[in-house]
């Protein structure tokens, strides 16, 4: 099921899309990068593959159209993280959410927002994992990074030299993380096969970190899982 939605938060209404398989084994919220939106073709590709692998996904705009006109808002990591946190709580109350847990997929500045959100809301959000694609985790800051206690996968193109350095720096502060370089890829992963590798890595990371959490049927009972599903 795919549904275009309007997410009402305290102060704004954000456009989004919910994609839900029959029995989600987990939910992934997407935080796009600066200058992008819920319609990012790269994030949409990842979301499509995750849906095929049994994950529910939520893609949404972090900013309203008017807010996006103010360039500084695109780099206001605290604002973006707060929006991600609010949408996470919105999902937890959504009728399709089946208590299997949450994960974040962040790109560019969205990765920093995901990490700040993770550092601030560990206690009341069932967060299982984070994936950063071409991310700027350095923008989260060391004080936030050391508080992130969920497995974090940092994916960077092998030719994205400056961003590699920033991710290596951030990795030294993260409690549990892995840095993977996609061979031959630059910042936007436009090279042939690069995004296919990103989607595979993300899907494997989320599957690994959700493998012990059985999905629940609409009646609330956990359904048995075949080992091959992992």
N, C-alpha and C. Protein backbone atom coordinates (compact mmCIF):
# COMPACT_ATOMS: atom_id res chain seq x y z
N UNK A 1 0.83 -1.18 0.00
CA UNK A 1 0.00 0.00 0.00
C UNK A 1 0.88 1.25 0.00
N UNK A 2 0.56 2.20 -0.85
CA UNK A 2 1.27 3.47 -0.90
C UNK A 2 0.25 4.59 -0.74
N UNK A 3 0.54 5.54 0.14
CA UNK A 3 -0.44 6.59 0.43
C UNK A 3 0.26 7.94 0.57
N UNK A 4 -0.18 8.92 -0.22
CA UNK A 4 0.30 10.29 -0.07
C UNK A 4 -0.46 10.92 1.09
N UNK A 5 0.27 11.60 1.96
CA UNK A 5 -0.33 12.09 3.20
C UNK A 5 0.12 13.51 3.51
N UNK A 6 -0.58 14.12 4.44
CA UNK A 6 -0.16 15.38 5.06
C UNK A 6 0.03 15.09 6.54
N UNK A 7 1.22 15.36 7.04
CA UNK A 7 1.54 15.07 8.43
C UNK A 7 1.41 16.36 9.24
N UNK A 8 0.42 16.40 10.10
CA UNK A 8 0.18 17.58 10.92
C UNK A 8 1.06 17.53 12.17
N UNK A 9 1.97 18.48 12.27
CA UNK A 9 2.80 18.61 13.46
C UNK A 9 2.28 19.78 14.29
N UNK A 10 2.98 20.12 15.33
CA UNK A 10 2.52 21.19 16.21
C UNK A 10 2.34 22.51 15.47
N UNK A 11 3.34 22.85 14.62
CA UNK A 11 3.33 24.18 14.02
C UNK A 11 3.17 24.18 12.51
N UNK A 12 3.39 23.05 11.86
CA UNK A 12 3.32 23.00 10.39
C UNK A 12 2.69 21.70 9.92
N UNK A 13 2.37 21.67 8.64
CA UNK A 13 1.88 20.44 8.01
C UNK A 13 2.87 20.08 6.90
N UNK A 14 3.38 18.84 6.94
CA UNK A 14 4.40 18.39 5.99
C UNK A 14 3.82 17.35 5.02
N UNK A 15 4.22 17.45 3.77
CA UNK A 15 3.79 16.46 2.77
C UNK A 15 4.64 15.21 2.92
N UNK A 16 4.02 14.04 2.75
CA UNK A 16 4.75 12.80 2.89
C UNK A 16 4.12 11.66 2.14
N UNK A 17 4.76 10.51 2.23
CA UNK A 17 4.25 9.29 1.60
C UNK A 17 4.56 8.10 2.50
N UNK A 18 3.55 7.28 2.77
CA UNK A 18 3.71 6.06 3.54
C UNK A 18 3.59 4.87 2.61
N UNK A 19 4.56 3.97 2.68
CA UNK A 19 4.53 2.73 1.91
C UNK A 19 4.56 1.57 2.88
N UNK A 20 3.55 0.72 2.81
CA UNK A 20 3.40 -0.32 3.82
C UNK A 20 3.16 -1.70 3.19
N UNK A 21 4.06 -2.66 3.45
CA UNK A 21 3.82 -4.03 2.99
C UNK A 21 2.78 -4.70 3.90
N UNK A 22 2.42 -5.92 3.60
CA UNK A 22 1.37 -6.60 4.35
C UNK A 22 1.69 -6.71 5.84
N UNK A 23 2.89 -7.19 6.16
CA UNK A 23 3.29 -7.34 7.56
C UNK A 23 4.71 -6.79 7.72
N UNK A 24 4.86 -5.48 7.94
CA UNK A 24 6.20 -4.88 8.01
C UNK A 24 7.06 -5.51 9.10
N UNK A 25 8.32 -5.76 8.75
CA UNK A 25 9.24 -6.27 9.76
C UNK A 25 10.01 -5.13 10.41
N UNK A 26 9.68 -3.91 10.05
CA UNK A 26 10.29 -2.72 10.62
C UNK A 26 9.88 -1.52 9.78
N UNK A 27 10.17 -0.33 10.29
CA UNK A 27 9.81 0.91 9.60
C UNK A 27 11.04 1.79 9.46
N UNK A 28 11.20 2.38 8.27
CA UNK A 28 12.33 3.26 7.99
C UNK A 28 11.82 4.65 7.61
N UNK A 29 12.28 5.66 8.35
CA UNK A 29 11.96 7.04 8.03
C UNK A 29 13.13 7.66 7.30
N UNK A 30 12.84 8.41 6.25
CA UNK A 30 13.87 9.02 5.41
C UNK A 30 14.02 10.50 5.72
N UNK A 31 15.26 10.94 5.92
CA UNK A 31 15.58 12.35 6.11
C UNK A 31 16.45 12.78 4.93
N UNK A 32 15.86 13.56 4.04
CA UNK A 32 16.57 13.93 2.81
C UNK A 32 17.60 15.02 3.06
N UNK A 33 18.44 15.26 2.07
CA UNK A 33 19.50 16.26 2.19
C UNK A 33 19.04 17.64 1.80
N UNK A 34 19.91 18.61 2.00
CA UNK A 34 19.59 20.00 1.70
C UNK A 34 19.26 20.18 0.22
N UNK A 35 18.22 20.96 -0.05
CA UNK A 35 17.82 21.22 -1.42
C UNK A 35 17.03 20.10 -2.06
N UNK A 36 16.78 19.04 -1.32
CA UNK A 36 16.03 17.90 -1.85
C UNK A 36 14.65 17.86 -1.18
N UNK A 37 13.95 16.74 -1.37
CA UNK A 37 12.60 16.61 -0.81
C UNK A 37 12.25 15.13 -0.70
N UNK A 38 11.00 14.86 -0.34
CA UNK A 38 10.53 13.48 -0.25
C UNK A 38 10.56 12.79 -1.61
N UNK A 39 10.69 13.55 -2.69
CA UNK A 39 10.70 13.00 -4.04
C UNK A 39 12.10 12.71 -4.55
N UNK A 40 13.08 12.78 -3.69
CA UNK A 40 14.46 12.48 -4.09
C UNK A 40 14.52 11.15 -4.81
N UNK A 41 14.98 11.10 -6.07
CA UNK A 41 15.01 9.83 -6.81
C UNK A 41 15.88 8.77 -6.16
N UNK A 42 16.96 9.19 -5.49
CA UNK A 42 17.83 8.22 -4.85
C UNK A 42 17.17 7.62 -3.60
N UNK A 43 16.55 8.47 -2.79
CA UNK A 43 15.84 7.95 -1.62
C UNK A 43 14.64 7.11 -2.03
N UNK A 44 13.97 7.52 -3.11
CA UNK A 44 12.83 6.76 -3.59
C UNK A 44 13.25 5.37 -4.04
N UNK A 45 14.42 5.28 -4.67
CA UNK A 45 14.94 3.97 -5.09
C UNK A 45 15.22 3.08 -3.88
N UNK A 46 15.83 3.65 -2.86
CA UNK A 46 16.11 2.87 -1.65
C UNK A 46 14.81 2.42 -0.99
N UNK A 47 13.84 3.34 -0.91
CA UNK A 47 12.56 3.01 -0.27
C UNK A 47 11.84 1.89 -1.02
N UNK A 48 11.93 1.90 -2.34
CA UNK A 48 11.28 0.86 -3.15
C UNK A 48 11.88 -0.51 -2.84
N UNK A 49 13.19 -0.57 -2.75
CA UNK A 49 13.85 -1.85 -2.46
C UNK A 49 13.54 -2.30 -1.03
N UNK A 50 13.54 -1.37 -0.09
CA UNK A 50 13.22 -1.73 1.30
C UNK A 50 11.79 -2.27 1.41
N UNK A 51 10.88 -1.68 0.65
CA UNK A 51 9.50 -2.17 0.65
C UNK A 51 9.45 -3.62 0.16
N UNK A 52 10.23 -3.92 -0.89
CA UNK A 52 10.29 -5.28 -1.42
C UNK A 52 10.88 -6.24 -0.38
N UNK A 53 11.73 -5.71 0.50
CA UNK A 53 12.36 -6.54 1.52
C UNK A 53 11.54 -6.60 2.82
N UNK A 54 10.35 -6.02 2.77
CA UNK A 54 9.43 -6.17 3.90
C UNK A 54 9.38 -5.04 4.89
N UNK A 55 9.98 -3.89 4.54
CA UNK A 55 9.98 -2.74 5.45
C UNK A 55 8.94 -1.72 5.04
N UNK A 56 8.25 -1.16 6.02
CA UNK A 56 7.43 0.00 5.77
C UNK A 56 8.33 1.22 5.68
N UNK A 57 7.98 2.21 4.87
CA UNK A 57 8.81 3.39 4.72
C UNK A 57 7.96 4.66 4.80
N UNK A 58 8.57 5.70 5.30
CA UNK A 58 7.93 7.02 5.33
C UNK A 58 8.91 8.03 4.75
N UNK A 59 8.53 8.64 3.62
CA UNK A 59 9.31 9.71 3.03
C UNK A 59 8.51 10.99 3.22
N UNK A 60 9.16 12.06 3.66
CA UNK A 60 8.43 13.30 3.92
C UNK A 60 9.35 14.50 3.76
N UNK A 61 8.75 15.66 3.55
CA UNK A 61 9.51 16.89 3.46
C UNK A 61 9.85 17.37 4.85
N UNK A 62 11.11 17.66 5.10
CA UNK A 62 11.53 18.16 6.40
C UNK A 62 11.12 19.61 6.61
N UNK A 63 10.93 20.33 5.51
CA UNK A 63 10.56 21.74 5.55
C UNK A 63 9.34 21.99 4.68
N UNK A 64 8.58 23.03 5.00
CA UNK A 64 7.50 23.46 4.12
C UNK A 64 8.11 24.19 2.92
N UNK A 65 7.30 24.47 1.91
CA UNK A 65 7.80 25.19 0.72
C UNK A 65 8.36 26.55 1.11
N UNK A 66 7.65 27.26 1.97
CA UNK A 66 8.11 28.59 2.40
C UNK A 66 9.40 28.50 3.21
N UNK A 67 9.47 27.52 4.11
CA UNK A 67 10.67 27.36 4.93
C UNK A 67 11.88 27.03 4.08
N UNK A 68 11.67 26.26 3.02
CA UNK A 68 12.79 25.85 2.17
C UNK A 68 13.37 27.01 1.38
N UNK A 69 12.61 28.09 1.25
CA UNK A 69 13.12 29.26 0.55
C UNK A 69 14.21 29.97 1.35
N UNK A 70 14.17 29.79 2.67
CA UNK A 70 15.21 30.34 3.54
C UNK A 70 16.38 29.36 3.59
N UNK A 71 17.47 29.70 2.91
CA UNK A 71 18.59 28.77 2.75
C UNK A 71 19.13 28.27 4.09
N UNK A 72 19.12 29.14 5.10
CA UNK A 72 19.68 28.75 6.40
C UNK A 72 18.90 27.59 7.04
N UNK A 73 17.61 27.49 6.71
CA UNK A 73 16.81 26.40 7.28
C UNK A 73 17.31 25.03 6.83
N UNK A 74 17.87 24.97 5.64
CA UNK A 74 18.34 23.69 5.10
C UNK A 74 19.51 23.13 5.91
N UNK A 75 20.21 24.00 6.63
CA UNK A 75 21.36 23.58 7.43
C UNK A 75 21.11 23.75 8.93
N UNK A 76 19.85 23.98 9.28
CA UNK A 76 19.49 24.07 10.69
C UNK A 76 19.24 22.65 11.21
N UNK A 77 20.31 22.00 11.62
CA UNK A 77 20.25 20.58 11.97
C UNK A 77 19.29 20.34 13.14
N UNK A 78 19.28 21.24 14.11
CA UNK A 78 18.37 21.07 15.25
C UNK A 78 16.91 21.11 14.80
N UNK A 79 16.59 22.02 13.88
CA UNK A 79 15.24 22.11 13.35
C UNK A 79 14.88 20.83 12.60
N UNK A 80 15.79 20.37 11.74
CA UNK A 80 15.53 19.16 10.95
C UNK A 80 15.38 17.94 11.85
N UNK A 81 16.21 17.85 12.88
CA UNK A 81 16.13 16.73 13.82
C UNK A 81 14.80 16.76 14.57
N UNK A 82 14.36 17.95 14.96
CA UNK A 82 13.09 18.07 15.66
C UNK A 82 11.93 17.61 14.77
N UNK A 83 12.00 17.95 13.49
CA UNK A 83 10.95 17.51 12.55
C UNK A 83 10.96 15.98 12.43
N UNK A 84 12.13 15.41 12.37
CA UNK A 84 12.24 13.95 12.28
C UNK A 84 11.68 13.28 13.53
N UNK A 85 11.98 13.85 14.68
CA UNK A 85 11.46 13.31 15.94
C UNK A 85 9.93 13.38 15.96
N UNK A 86 9.38 14.52 15.56
CA UNK A 86 7.93 14.69 15.57
C UNK A 86 7.24 13.71 14.61
N UNK A 87 7.83 13.52 13.43
CA UNK A 87 7.24 12.59 12.48
C UNK A 87 7.37 11.15 12.99
N UNK A 88 8.45 10.86 13.69
CA UNK A 88 8.60 9.54 14.30
C UNK A 88 7.47 9.26 15.28
N UNK A 89 7.18 10.23 16.14
CA UNK A 89 6.07 10.06 17.10
C UNK A 89 4.73 9.95 16.38
N UNK A 90 4.60 10.68 15.27
CA UNK A 90 3.39 10.56 14.45
C UNK A 90 3.24 9.13 13.94
N UNK A 91 4.35 8.54 13.45
CA UNK A 91 4.30 7.17 12.93
C UNK A 91 3.94 6.18 14.03
N UNK A 92 4.47 6.39 15.24
CA UNK A 92 4.19 5.46 16.33
C UNK A 92 2.70 5.38 16.66
N UNK A 93 1.95 6.41 16.26
CA UNK A 93 0.49 6.43 16.50
C UNK A 93 -0.30 6.05 15.25
N UNK A 94 0.40 5.81 14.14
CA UNK A 94 -0.25 5.49 12.88
C UNK A 94 -0.86 4.08 12.94
N UNK A 95 -2.05 3.89 12.38
CA UNK A 95 -2.71 2.57 12.45
C UNK A 95 -1.93 1.43 11.81
N UNK A 96 -1.04 1.74 10.86
CA UNK A 96 -0.26 0.68 10.21
C UNK A 96 1.00 0.30 10.98
N UNK A 97 1.38 1.12 11.96
CA UNK A 97 2.59 0.80 12.73
C UNK A 97 2.33 -0.42 13.61
N UNK A 98 3.21 -1.41 13.56
CA UNK A 98 2.98 -2.69 14.23
C UNK A 98 4.01 -3.01 15.32
N UNK A 99 4.60 -1.97 15.91
CA UNK A 99 5.47 -2.13 17.08
C UNK A 99 6.71 -2.98 16.82
N UNK A 100 7.22 -2.92 15.60
CA UNK A 100 8.43 -3.66 15.27
C UNK A 100 9.69 -2.80 15.40
N UNK A 101 9.53 -1.51 15.58
CA UNK A 101 10.69 -0.65 15.71
C UNK A 101 10.88 0.29 14.53
N UNK A 102 11.79 1.24 14.73
CA UNK A 102 12.03 2.33 13.79
C UNK A 102 13.50 2.34 13.39
N UNK A 103 13.76 2.79 12.16
CA UNK A 103 15.13 3.05 11.71
C UNK A 103 15.13 4.35 10.92
N UNK A 104 16.30 4.97 10.82
CA UNK A 104 16.44 6.21 10.05
C UNK A 104 17.39 5.99 8.87
N UNK A 105 17.03 6.58 7.73
CA UNK A 105 17.92 6.62 6.57
C UNK A 105 18.11 8.09 6.23
N UNK A 106 19.33 8.59 6.43
CA UNK A 106 19.59 10.00 6.19
C UNK A 106 20.60 10.22 5.09
N UNK A 107 20.37 11.26 4.29
CA UNK A 107 21.30 11.63 3.23
C UNK A 107 21.80 13.05 3.47
N UNK A 108 23.09 13.28 3.26
CA UNK A 108 23.68 14.60 3.40
C UNK A 108 23.35 15.20 4.76
N UNK A 109 22.72 16.39 4.80
CA UNK A 109 22.36 17.01 6.08
C UNK A 109 21.32 16.19 6.82
N UNK A 110 20.53 15.42 6.10
CA UNK A 110 19.53 14.57 6.73
C UNK A 110 20.16 13.52 7.62
N UNK A 111 21.38 13.10 7.29
CA UNK A 111 22.09 12.14 8.14
C UNK A 111 22.44 12.77 9.48
N UNK A 112 22.86 14.02 9.46
CA UNK A 112 23.15 14.73 10.70
C UNK A 112 21.89 14.87 11.54
N UNK A 113 20.78 15.19 10.89
CA UNK A 113 19.50 15.31 11.60
C UNK A 113 19.11 13.99 12.24
N UNK A 114 19.32 12.88 11.53
CA UNK A 114 18.98 11.56 12.05
C UNK A 114 19.82 11.23 13.28
N UNK A 115 21.09 11.60 13.25
CA UNK A 115 21.97 11.30 14.38
C UNK A 115 21.64 12.17 15.59
N UNK A 116 21.31 13.43 15.36
CA UNK A 116 20.90 14.29 16.48
C UNK A 116 19.60 13.78 17.07
N UNK A 117 18.66 13.40 16.21
CA UNK A 117 17.39 12.84 16.69
C UNK A 117 17.64 11.59 17.53
N UNK A 118 18.53 10.74 17.07
CA UNK A 118 18.85 9.51 17.80
C UNK A 118 19.49 9.82 19.15
N UNK A 119 20.30 10.85 19.21
CA UNK A 119 20.98 11.20 20.46
C UNK A 119 20.03 11.78 21.50
N UNK A 120 18.90 12.34 21.04
CA UNK A 120 17.99 13.02 21.96
C UNK A 120 16.79 12.18 22.37
N UNK A 121 16.49 11.11 21.60
CA UNK A 121 15.23 10.41 21.84
C UNK A 121 15.36 8.91 22.03
N UNK A 122 16.49 8.47 22.53
CA UNK A 122 16.67 7.03 22.65
C UNK A 122 15.65 6.37 23.57
N UNK A 123 15.25 7.07 24.61
CA UNK A 123 14.41 6.45 25.63
C UNK A 123 12.97 6.20 25.18
N UNK A 124 12.42 7.09 24.36
CA UNK A 124 11.01 6.92 24.02
C UNK A 124 10.74 6.62 22.55
N UNK A 125 11.79 6.33 21.80
CA UNK A 125 11.62 5.90 20.41
C UNK A 125 12.33 4.55 20.25
N UNK A 126 11.63 3.52 19.77
CA UNK A 126 12.26 2.20 19.60
C UNK A 126 13.17 2.17 18.37
N UNK A 127 14.26 2.94 18.44
CA UNK A 127 15.16 3.07 17.30
C UNK A 127 16.11 1.88 17.24
N UNK A 128 16.20 1.25 16.06
CA UNK A 128 17.02 0.04 15.90
C UNK A 128 18.31 0.27 15.13
N UNK A 129 18.30 1.19 14.17
CA UNK A 129 19.48 1.35 13.30
C UNK A 129 19.40 2.66 12.54
N UNK A 130 20.56 3.09 12.04
CA UNK A 130 20.66 4.28 11.20
C UNK A 130 21.55 3.96 10.01
N UNK A 131 21.16 4.47 8.84
CA UNK A 131 22.02 4.41 7.66
C UNK A 131 22.21 5.83 7.14
N UNK A 132 23.45 6.19 6.87
CA UNK A 132 23.78 7.50 6.31
C UNK A 132 24.33 7.29 4.91
N UNK A 133 23.74 7.99 3.91
CA UNK A 133 24.22 7.89 2.53
C UNK A 133 24.84 9.23 2.12
N UNK A 134 26.13 9.21 1.86
CA UNK A 134 26.80 10.45 1.48
C UNK A 134 26.54 11.52 2.51
N UNK A 135 26.50 11.12 3.78
CA UNK A 135 26.04 11.99 4.84
C UNK A 135 27.08 12.96 5.36
N UNK A 136 26.56 13.92 6.13
CA UNK A 136 27.41 14.88 6.84
C UNK A 136 27.21 14.68 8.34
N UNK A 137 27.62 13.52 8.87
CA UNK A 137 27.46 13.27 10.30
C UNK A 137 28.24 14.24 11.16
N UNK A 138 29.27 14.87 10.58
CA UNK A 138 30.05 15.85 11.33
C UNK A 138 29.20 17.02 11.78
N UNK A 139 28.13 17.33 11.02
CA UNK A 139 27.27 18.46 11.37
C UNK A 139 26.42 18.18 12.60
N UNK A 140 26.36 16.92 13.02
CA UNK A 140 25.65 16.58 14.25
C UNK A 140 26.45 17.04 15.46
N UNK A 141 27.77 17.07 15.32
CA UNK A 141 28.64 17.49 16.42
C UNK A 141 29.02 16.34 17.33
N UNK A 142 30.19 16.43 17.90
CA UNK A 142 30.72 15.35 18.74
C UNK A 142 29.84 15.07 19.94
N UNK A 143 29.25 16.12 20.55
CA UNK A 143 28.42 15.93 21.75
C UNK A 143 27.20 15.06 21.46
N UNK A 144 26.65 15.19 20.26
CA UNK A 144 25.50 14.36 19.88
C UNK A 144 25.95 12.97 19.47
N UNK A 145 27.03 12.87 18.72
CA UNK A 145 27.49 11.59 18.20
C UNK A 145 27.79 10.58 19.31
N UNK A 146 28.38 11.04 20.40
CA UNK A 146 28.74 10.11 21.47
C UNK A 146 27.51 9.57 22.20
N UNK A 147 26.35 10.18 22.00
CA UNK A 147 25.12 9.74 22.65
C UNK A 147 24.32 8.76 21.78
N UNK A 148 24.75 8.56 20.54
CA UNK A 148 24.03 7.65 19.64
C UNK A 148 24.43 6.22 19.97
N UNK A 149 23.47 5.42 20.43
CA UNK A 149 23.81 4.06 20.86
C UNK A 149 23.12 3.00 20.02
N UNK A 150 22.79 3.32 18.77
CA UNK A 150 22.23 2.33 17.85
C UNK A 150 23.22 2.10 16.72
N UNK A 151 23.24 0.90 16.12
CA UNK A 151 24.17 0.60 15.04
C UNK A 151 23.99 1.56 13.87
N UNK A 152 25.09 2.17 13.44
CA UNK A 152 25.04 3.19 12.39
C UNK A 152 25.96 2.80 11.24
N UNK A 153 25.40 2.76 10.05
CA UNK A 153 26.17 2.45 8.84
C UNK A 153 26.40 3.73 8.06
N UNK A 154 27.67 4.04 7.80
CA UNK A 154 28.05 5.23 7.04
C UNK A 154 28.47 4.79 5.64
N UNK A 155 27.69 5.19 4.62
CA UNK A 155 27.99 4.82 3.24
C UNK A 155 28.47 6.06 2.50
N UNK A 156 29.65 5.96 1.92
CA UNK A 156 30.24 7.10 1.20
C UNK A 156 30.85 6.59 -0.10
N UNK A 157 30.81 7.39 -1.14
CA UNK A 157 31.46 7.05 -2.39
C UNK A 157 32.98 7.09 -2.23
N UNK A 158 33.67 6.17 -2.86
CA UNK A 158 35.13 6.09 -2.69
C UNK A 158 35.85 7.30 -3.30
N UNK A 159 35.13 8.06 -4.16
CA UNK A 159 35.73 9.25 -4.77
C UNK A 159 35.20 10.54 -4.14
N UNK A 160 34.44 10.41 -3.08
CA UNK A 160 33.91 11.57 -2.37
C UNK A 160 34.87 11.91 -1.24
N UNK A 161 36.05 12.39 -1.62
CA UNK A 161 37.19 12.43 -0.72
C UNK A 161 36.98 13.27 0.54
N UNK A 162 36.43 14.48 0.41
CA UNK A 162 36.23 15.33 1.58
C UNK A 162 35.21 14.72 2.54
N UNK A 163 34.13 14.15 1.98
CA UNK A 163 33.10 13.56 2.82
C UNK A 163 33.61 12.29 3.51
N UNK A 164 34.52 11.59 2.88
CA UNK A 164 35.14 10.42 3.53
C UNK A 164 35.83 10.88 4.82
N UNK A 165 36.59 11.96 4.74
CA UNK A 165 37.31 12.47 5.92
C UNK A 165 36.33 12.84 7.03
N UNK A 166 35.22 13.49 6.66
CA UNK A 166 34.22 13.92 7.64
C UNK A 166 33.56 12.71 8.30
N UNK A 167 33.33 11.66 7.53
CA UNK A 167 32.72 10.45 8.08
C UNK A 167 33.71 9.70 8.96
N UNK A 168 34.98 9.69 8.57
CA UNK A 168 36.00 9.05 9.41
C UNK A 168 36.10 9.76 10.76
N UNK A 169 36.00 11.08 10.73
CA UNK A 169 36.03 11.84 11.98
C UNK A 169 34.82 11.49 12.85
N UNK A 170 33.64 11.49 12.24
CA UNK A 170 32.42 11.19 12.99
C UNK A 170 32.45 9.78 13.57
N UNK A 171 33.01 8.85 12.83
CA UNK A 171 33.05 7.45 13.26
C UNK A 171 33.81 7.29 14.57
N UNK A 172 34.78 8.14 14.82
CA UNK A 172 35.56 8.02 16.05
C UNK A 172 34.73 8.33 17.29
N UNK A 173 33.58 8.99 17.11
CA UNK A 173 32.71 9.34 18.24
C UNK A 173 31.52 8.41 18.38
N UNK A 174 31.18 7.68 17.33
CA UNK A 174 30.01 6.81 17.37
C UNK A 174 30.35 5.50 18.10
N UNK A 175 29.45 5.08 18.97
CA UNK A 175 29.69 3.88 19.79
C UNK A 175 29.76 2.62 18.94
N UNK A 176 28.82 2.48 18.01
CA UNK A 176 28.75 1.28 17.17
C UNK A 176 28.50 1.70 15.73
N UNK A 177 29.52 1.66 14.90
CA UNK A 177 29.35 2.13 13.53
C UNK A 177 30.26 1.39 12.57
N UNK A 178 29.92 1.51 11.30
CA UNK A 178 30.71 0.89 10.23
C UNK A 178 30.73 1.85 9.05
N UNK A 179 31.90 2.05 8.48
CA UNK A 179 32.06 2.91 7.31
C UNK A 179 32.33 2.04 6.09
N UNK A 180 31.50 2.20 5.06
CA UNK A 180 31.66 1.42 3.83
C UNK A 180 31.80 2.39 2.65
N UNK A 181 32.83 2.19 1.84
CA UNK A 181 33.03 3.00 0.64
C UNK A 181 32.53 2.24 -0.58
N UNK A 182 31.70 2.91 -1.37
CA UNK A 182 31.18 2.30 -2.60
C UNK A 182 32.19 2.58 -3.71
N UNK A 183 32.80 1.54 -4.27
CA UNK A 183 33.87 1.72 -5.26
C UNK A 183 33.44 2.57 -6.46
N UNK A 184 34.27 3.57 -6.78
CA UNK A 184 34.05 4.38 -7.97
C UNK A 184 32.96 5.43 -7.87
N UNK A 185 32.31 5.52 -6.73
CA UNK A 185 31.17 6.44 -6.60
C UNK A 185 31.60 7.81 -6.10
N UNK A 186 30.92 8.84 -6.61
CA UNK A 186 31.12 10.21 -6.13
C UNK A 186 29.97 10.55 -5.18
N UNK A 187 29.81 11.83 -4.85
CA UNK A 187 28.90 12.21 -3.77
C UNK A 187 27.44 11.80 -4.01
N UNK A 188 26.95 11.93 -5.22
CA UNK A 188 25.54 11.64 -5.50
C UNK A 188 25.31 10.20 -5.99
N UNK A 189 26.35 9.41 -6.02
CA UNK A 189 26.23 7.99 -6.42
C UNK A 189 25.55 7.85 -7.79
N UNK A 190 25.95 8.70 -8.71
CA UNK A 190 25.33 8.69 -10.04
C UNK A 190 25.96 7.65 -10.97
N UNK A 191 27.07 7.07 -10.57
CA UNK A 191 27.75 6.10 -11.41
C UNK A 191 26.93 4.81 -11.54
N UNK A 192 27.11 4.11 -12.62
CA UNK A 192 26.36 2.88 -12.87
C UNK A 192 26.55 1.87 -11.74
N UNK A 193 25.45 1.42 -11.20
CA UNK A 193 25.48 0.40 -10.16
C UNK A 193 25.72 0.93 -8.75
N UNK A 194 26.06 2.22 -8.62
CA UNK A 194 26.40 2.76 -7.30
C UNK A 194 25.19 2.75 -6.36
N UNK A 195 24.04 3.22 -6.85
CA UNK A 195 22.86 3.25 -5.99
C UNK A 195 22.34 1.84 -5.72
N UNK A 196 22.56 0.92 -6.64
CA UNK A 196 22.18 -0.48 -6.38
C UNK A 196 22.95 -1.02 -5.19
N UNK A 197 24.23 -0.64 -5.10
CA UNK A 197 25.04 -1.08 -3.97
C UNK A 197 24.58 -0.41 -2.67
N UNK A 198 24.22 0.86 -2.76
CA UNK A 198 23.71 1.56 -1.58
C UNK A 198 22.45 0.88 -1.06
N UNK A 199 21.52 0.55 -1.95
CA UNK A 199 20.26 -0.07 -1.52
C UNK A 199 20.53 -1.46 -0.93
N UNK A 200 21.49 -2.19 -1.48
CA UNK A 200 21.81 -3.52 -0.93
C UNK A 200 22.39 -3.38 0.46
N UNK A 201 23.33 -2.46 0.62
CA UNK A 201 23.97 -2.26 1.93
C UNK A 201 22.95 -1.82 2.97
N UNK A 202 22.08 -0.90 2.60
CA UNK A 202 21.07 -0.41 3.55
C UNK A 202 20.09 -1.52 3.93
N UNK A 203 19.63 -2.27 2.92
CA UNK A 203 18.70 -3.36 3.19
C UNK A 203 19.29 -4.41 4.10
N UNK A 204 20.56 -4.75 3.85
CA UNK A 204 21.23 -5.75 4.69
C UNK A 204 21.40 -5.24 6.12
N UNK A 205 21.73 -3.95 6.27
CA UNK A 205 21.95 -3.38 7.60
C UNK A 205 20.65 -3.37 8.41
N UNK A 206 19.58 -2.95 7.77
CA UNK A 206 18.30 -2.92 8.47
C UNK A 206 17.81 -4.33 8.79
N UNK A 207 17.96 -5.24 7.85
CA UNK A 207 17.53 -6.62 8.10
C UNK A 207 18.30 -7.23 9.26
N UNK A 208 19.60 -6.96 9.32
CA UNK A 208 20.44 -7.47 10.40
C UNK A 208 19.97 -6.97 11.76
N UNK A 209 19.60 -5.70 11.82
CA UNK A 209 19.27 -5.09 13.10
C UNK A 209 17.80 -5.19 13.47
N UNK A 210 17.00 -5.80 12.61
CA UNK A 210 15.61 -6.07 12.92
C UNK A 210 15.33 -7.57 12.99
N UNK A 211 16.36 -8.39 12.86
CA UNK A 211 16.15 -9.82 12.67
C UNK A 211 15.53 -10.52 13.87
N UNK A 212 15.70 -9.97 15.07
CA UNK A 212 15.15 -10.62 16.27
C UNK A 212 13.79 -10.04 16.68
N UNK A 213 13.20 -9.22 15.80
CA UNK A 213 11.93 -8.58 16.15
C UNK A 213 10.86 -9.07 15.17
N UNK A 214 10.05 -10.06 15.55
CA UNK A 214 9.04 -10.59 14.63
C UNK A 214 7.93 -9.59 14.35
N UNK A 215 7.49 -9.45 13.08
CA UNK A 215 6.38 -8.57 12.77
C UNK A 215 5.09 -9.09 13.38
N UNK A 216 4.16 -8.20 13.63
CA UNK A 216 2.88 -8.58 14.22
C UNK A 216 1.76 -8.49 13.20
N UNK A 217 0.84 -9.39 13.30
CA UNK A 217 -0.33 -9.38 12.43
C UNK A 217 -1.27 -8.28 12.91
N UNK A 218 -2.26 -7.88 12.10
CA UNK A 218 -3.20 -6.86 12.53
C UNK A 218 -3.88 -7.20 13.85
N UNK A 219 -4.01 -8.48 14.18
CA UNK A 219 -4.64 -8.88 15.43
C UNK A 219 -3.73 -8.74 16.63
N UNK A 220 -2.45 -8.37 16.38
CA UNK A 220 -1.54 -8.12 17.48
C UNK A 220 -0.61 -9.27 17.81
N UNK A 221 -0.78 -10.44 17.15
CA UNK A 221 0.07 -11.59 17.44
C UNK A 221 1.29 -11.58 16.53
N UNK A 222 2.42 -11.96 17.10
CA UNK A 222 3.62 -12.07 16.28
C UNK A 222 3.50 -13.28 15.38
N UNK A 223 3.95 -13.11 14.13
CA UNK A 223 3.88 -14.24 13.21
C UNK A 223 5.22 -14.93 13.12
N UNK A 224 5.22 -16.22 12.92
CA UNK A 224 6.47 -16.98 12.82
C UNK A 224 7.22 -16.55 11.58
N UNK A 225 8.55 -16.61 11.66
CA UNK A 225 9.35 -16.18 10.53
C UNK A 225 10.27 -17.30 10.10
N UNK A 226 10.42 -17.39 8.80
CA UNK A 226 11.32 -18.38 8.22
C UNK A 226 12.73 -17.82 8.26
N UNK A 227 13.73 -18.59 8.61
CA UNK A 227 15.10 -18.07 8.70
C UNK A 227 15.57 -17.36 7.44
N UNK A 228 15.08 -17.78 6.27
CA UNK A 228 15.56 -17.20 5.02
C UNK A 228 15.14 -15.75 4.86
N UNK A 229 14.17 -15.28 5.68
CA UNK A 229 13.71 -13.91 5.58
C UNK A 229 14.79 -12.94 6.05
N UNK A 230 15.76 -13.42 6.80
CA UNK A 230 16.81 -12.54 7.29
C UNK A 230 17.98 -12.47 6.32
